[in-house]
Each structure stands twice: as structure tokens, then as C-alpha cells.
Protein backbone atom coordinates (compact mmCIF):
# COMPACT_ATOMS: atom_id res chain seq x y z
CA UNK A 1 225.82 158.96 -57.50
CA UNK A 2 225.24 161.55 -60.10
CA UNK A 3 227.75 163.86 -58.51
CA UNK A 4 230.45 161.31 -57.83
CA UNK A 5 229.89 159.06 -60.84
CA UNK A 6 230.60 155.40 -60.84
CA UNK A 7 231.81 154.14 -57.43
CA UNK A 8 234.22 151.58 -59.00
CA UNK A 9 235.92 154.30 -61.13
CA UNK A 10 238.93 155.67 -59.20
CA UNK A 11 239.34 159.12 -60.63
CA UNK A 12 239.71 162.53 -58.93
CA UNK A 13 238.02 165.64 -59.93
CA UNK A 14 240.17 168.58 -60.98
CA UNK A 15 239.14 172.15 -60.34
CA UNK A 16 240.72 174.72 -62.55
CA UNK A 17 240.38 178.40 -62.05
CA UNK A 18 240.54 180.49 -65.24
CA UNK A 19 240.26 184.25 -65.80
CA UNK A 20 237.14 185.42 -67.44
CA UNK A 21 237.08 185.09 -71.20
CA UNK A 22 237.47 188.06 -73.33
CA UNK A 23 234.07 189.56 -74.54
CA UNK A 24 234.55 188.26 -78.11
CA UNK A 25 235.88 184.84 -77.26
CA UNK A 26 233.43 182.01 -76.80
CA UNK A 27 233.92 178.78 -75.05
CA UNK A 28 232.23 176.17 -77.07
CA UNK A 29 232.82 172.47 -76.94
CA UNK A 30 232.27 169.99 -79.64
CA UNK A 31 229.35 167.75 -79.01
CA UNK A 32 230.30 164.57 -77.23
CA UNK A 33 233.48 166.09 -75.75
CA UNK A 34 233.78 165.34 -72.07
CA UNK A 35 236.35 166.45 -69.62
CA UNK A 36 236.94 165.51 -66.01
CA UNK A 37 237.96 169.04 -65.20
CA UNK A 38 235.46 171.46 -63.87
CA UNK A 39 236.05 174.98 -65.06
CA UNK A 40 235.09 177.82 -62.73
CA UNK A 41 235.29 181.20 -64.37
CA UNK A 42 236.19 184.28 -62.46
CA UNK A 43 233.58 186.94 -62.59
CA UNK A 44 234.17 189.93 -64.71
CA UNK A 45 235.28 192.97 -62.75
CA UNK A 46 232.52 195.62 -62.28
CA UNK A 47 232.55 198.39 -64.83
CA UNK A 48 233.38 201.85 -63.55
CA UNK A 49 231.08 204.47 -65.00
CA UNK A 50 232.86 207.34 -66.53
CA UNK A 51 231.27 210.69 -65.79
CA UNK A 52 229.95 212.49 -68.87
CA UNK A 53 232.09 215.41 -70.03
CA UNK A 54 229.55 217.92 -68.62
CA UNK A 55 228.98 216.13 -65.27
CA UNK A 56 231.27 216.66 -62.30
CA UNK A 57 233.22 213.61 -61.05
CA UNK A 58 231.87 211.88 -57.96
CA UNK A 59 233.97 212.80 -54.89
CA UNK A 60 236.26 210.09 -53.58
CA UNK A 61 235.67 209.07 -49.99
CA UNK A 62 238.25 210.63 -47.72
CA UNK A 63 239.77 208.21 -45.20
CA UNK A 64 239.23 209.16 -41.61
CA UNK A 65 242.26 210.25 -39.69
CA UNK A 66 242.61 209.70 -36.01
CA UNK A 67 243.53 212.71 -33.96
CA UNK A 68 247.09 212.69 -32.84
CA UNK A 69 247.74 211.30 -29.33
CA UNK A 70 249.12 213.95 -27.14
CA UNK A 71 251.58 213.01 -24.45
CA UNK A 72 251.39 214.24 -20.93
CA UNK A 73 254.89 215.61 -21.00
CA UNK A 74 255.30 219.22 -22.16
CA UNK A 75 256.48 219.46 -25.74
CA UNK A 76 258.67 222.54 -25.28
CA UNK A 77 262.45 222.21 -25.45
CA UNK A 78 263.07 224.78 -22.84
CA UNK A 79 264.60 223.56 -19.67
CA UNK A 80 262.03 223.58 -16.80
CA UNK A 81 263.22 223.86 -13.25
CA UNK A 82 262.41 220.68 -11.33
CA UNK A 83 260.03 221.25 -8.47
CA UNK A 84 261.31 220.66 -5.04
CA UNK A 85 260.59 217.20 -3.73
CA UNK A 86 257.85 217.44 -1.12
CA UNK A 87 257.64 214.84 1.58
CA UNK A 88 254.72 212.43 0.98
CA UNK A 89 251.60 213.41 2.72
CA UNK A 90 250.56 211.32 5.63
CA UNK A 91 247.58 209.10 5.17
CA UNK A 92 245.02 209.70 7.85
CA UNK A 93 244.23 206.74 10.11
CA UNK A 94 240.95 204.91 9.62
CA UNK A 95 238.31 205.86 12.19
CA UNK A 96 236.50 203.03 14.06
CA UNK A 97 232.96 202.38 13.04
CA UNK A 98 231.63 202.63 16.60
CA UNK A 99 231.85 205.36 19.09
CA UNK A 100 234.18 204.86 22.06
CA UNK A 101 231.22 203.79 24.31
CA UNK A 102 230.02 201.26 21.71
CA UNK A 103 233.59 199.90 21.33
CA UNK A 104 233.86 199.30 25.04
CA UNK A 105 230.51 197.42 25.02
CA UNK A 106 231.57 195.41 21.94
CA UNK A 107 234.87 194.52 23.58
CA UNK A 108 233.06 193.25 26.73
CA UNK A 109 230.61 191.19 24.62
CA UNK A 110 233.45 189.55 22.67
CA UNK A 111 235.32 188.79 25.95
CA UNK A 112 232.22 187.25 27.47
CA UNK A 113 231.63 185.09 24.29
CA UNK A 114 235.28 183.96 24.25
CA UNK A 115 235.10 182.91 27.88
CA UNK A 116 231.86 180.81 27.30
CA UNK A 117 233.47 179.25 24.27
CA UNK A 118 236.58 178.27 26.22
CA UNK A 119 234.33 176.50 28.72
CA UNK A 120 232.34 174.76 26.02
CA UNK A 121 235.49 173.54 24.21
CA UNK A 122 236.95 172.20 27.42
CA UNK A 123 233.77 170.29 28.05
CA UNK A 124 233.69 168.96 24.57
CA UNK A 125 237.33 167.89 24.67
CA UNK A 126 236.41 165.27 27.36
CA UNK A 127 233.48 163.91 25.21
CA UNK A 128 234.96 163.87 21.74
CA UNK A 129 236.45 160.55 20.57
CA UNK A 130 236.15 160.52 16.76
CA UNK A 131 239.12 161.81 14.67
CA UNK A 132 236.89 164.09 12.54
CA UNK A 133 235.34 165.62 15.64
CA UNK A 134 238.81 166.19 17.14
CA UNK A 135 239.81 167.97 13.95
CA UNK A 136 236.71 170.19 14.13
CA UNK A 137 237.53 170.97 17.81
CA UNK A 138 241.09 171.95 16.92
CA UNK A 139 239.73 174.24 14.25
CA UNK A 140 237.44 175.86 16.86
CA UNK A 141 240.40 176.33 19.15
CA UNK A 142 242.37 177.91 16.31
CA UNK A 143 239.60 180.36 15.59
CA UNK A 144 239.36 181.20 19.27
CA UNK A 145 243.05 181.97 19.49
CA UNK A 146 242.93 184.17 16.44
CA UNK A 147 239.93 185.96 17.93
CA UNK A 148 241.82 186.65 21.05
CA UNK A 149 244.79 188.03 19.07
CA UNK A 150 242.54 190.27 17.05
CA UNK A 151 240.89 191.58 20.31
CA UNK A 152 244.42 192.46 21.73
CA UNK A 153 245.32 194.17 18.41
CA UNK A 154 242.17 196.28 18.63
CA UNK A 155 240.45 194.78 15.61
CA UNK A 156 237.00 194.30 17.11
CA UNK A 157 235.18 193.32 13.95
CA UNK A 158 237.62 190.60 13.11
CA UNK A 159 237.59 189.36 16.66
CA UNK A 160 233.77 189.19 16.65
CA UNK A 161 233.71 187.31 13.26
CA UNK A 162 236.26 184.79 14.49
CA UNK A 163 234.37 184.30 17.77
CA UNK A 164 231.19 183.63 15.79
CA UNK A 165 232.97 181.07 13.66
CA UNK A 166 234.19 179.35 16.79
CA UNK A 167 230.63 179.38 18.21
CA UNK A 168 229.23 177.73 15.02
CA UNK A 169 231.85 174.99 15.18
CA UNK A 170 231.24 174.36 18.82
CA UNK A 171 227.48 174.30 18.31
CA UNK A 172 227.79 171.77 15.53
CA UNK A 173 229.93 169.46 17.73
CA UNK A 174 227.38 169.79 20.59
CA UNK A 175 224.53 168.79 18.36
CA UNK A 176 226.31 165.54 17.44
CA UNK A 177 226.44 164.60 21.07
């Protein structure tokens, strides 16, 4: 209540900023004089010390300069002959991870897994009745078809990954039975 005064009194506080008084001027109020205005005085600027006549002046800080950015293009104005356009170099083909013998073994393994999965999905098709299980079986067939396409394209790793996904879906359906 001391800060805000009487709650029934509807007045607003005014804040007035004033420059600092001159060194010789004084701000005195007569006793009993009250004002609703709060006076906030600006602090006096710091005094700059003048060097004595025999002392050297303090050096001023030098602002840092950034080094100039150099462009990639030559700065000469002479005409330079344009180099002949060279045909783009051919990117070498990626080499397979496995040796040819390992690729053949992996291909056989994938084909064997795909055949077993075809048999298991055909068996599950006769047993599945729920709509959610049918959707899961369709996803398994889709993965199997993608795996077969990847195998014919020669992408053995992708074919193996898709075959594994199919196997996981079929195993999940078989466990529900």
C-alpha cells in the first residue's frame, strides 16, 4: 500500500526523465511540497581524463578489418582462351560385394526362400478369414513380388531383404493360427 497509496484514490503515477542538473544547480523542494511525478535523473557522463602536457596520449583502439574476400575467377582483364570442352568422364560401375561364387550361392538361397514362402502363403490363404489377416497376407505377397523383381534385376541384397520381410509377415500370420 505504501507504493501504490490509497486504493480508493484513482490517480496515475507520472515518470519524467530529465537531464542531469548542472553542477552548480541544486534541486531543493520546499518542505511540505509534494508531487505525484517521480523524477529520474540521467546519470552524468563519465569524465574523460585529459593527458598531462608531458604524457603521451593513450592510443585509440583500431577497429579490426576483415581480409578481403577473393573470388575464384581471375582478376586479370586479359582475354583467356576457353579450354576445349572435354567429354564427361564415365563413372565406374559399382562392384558387387560378393564374389561371383558367393553371388550364385546367394541367388540360390533367395530362390529357395521365395519358393517356400509361395507355398506357405498359398496354405495361409485357405486358412485366413479375418480382414486384418487378409491385409497382412496381401502385404506379404507384395513383398514377395518385389523380391522376385529385385532378383531378376540382379539386386541380390534388396531381394534378400524383401524376402526376409515376407518371411516375417508369414511367420506372424502362422503364429496366430
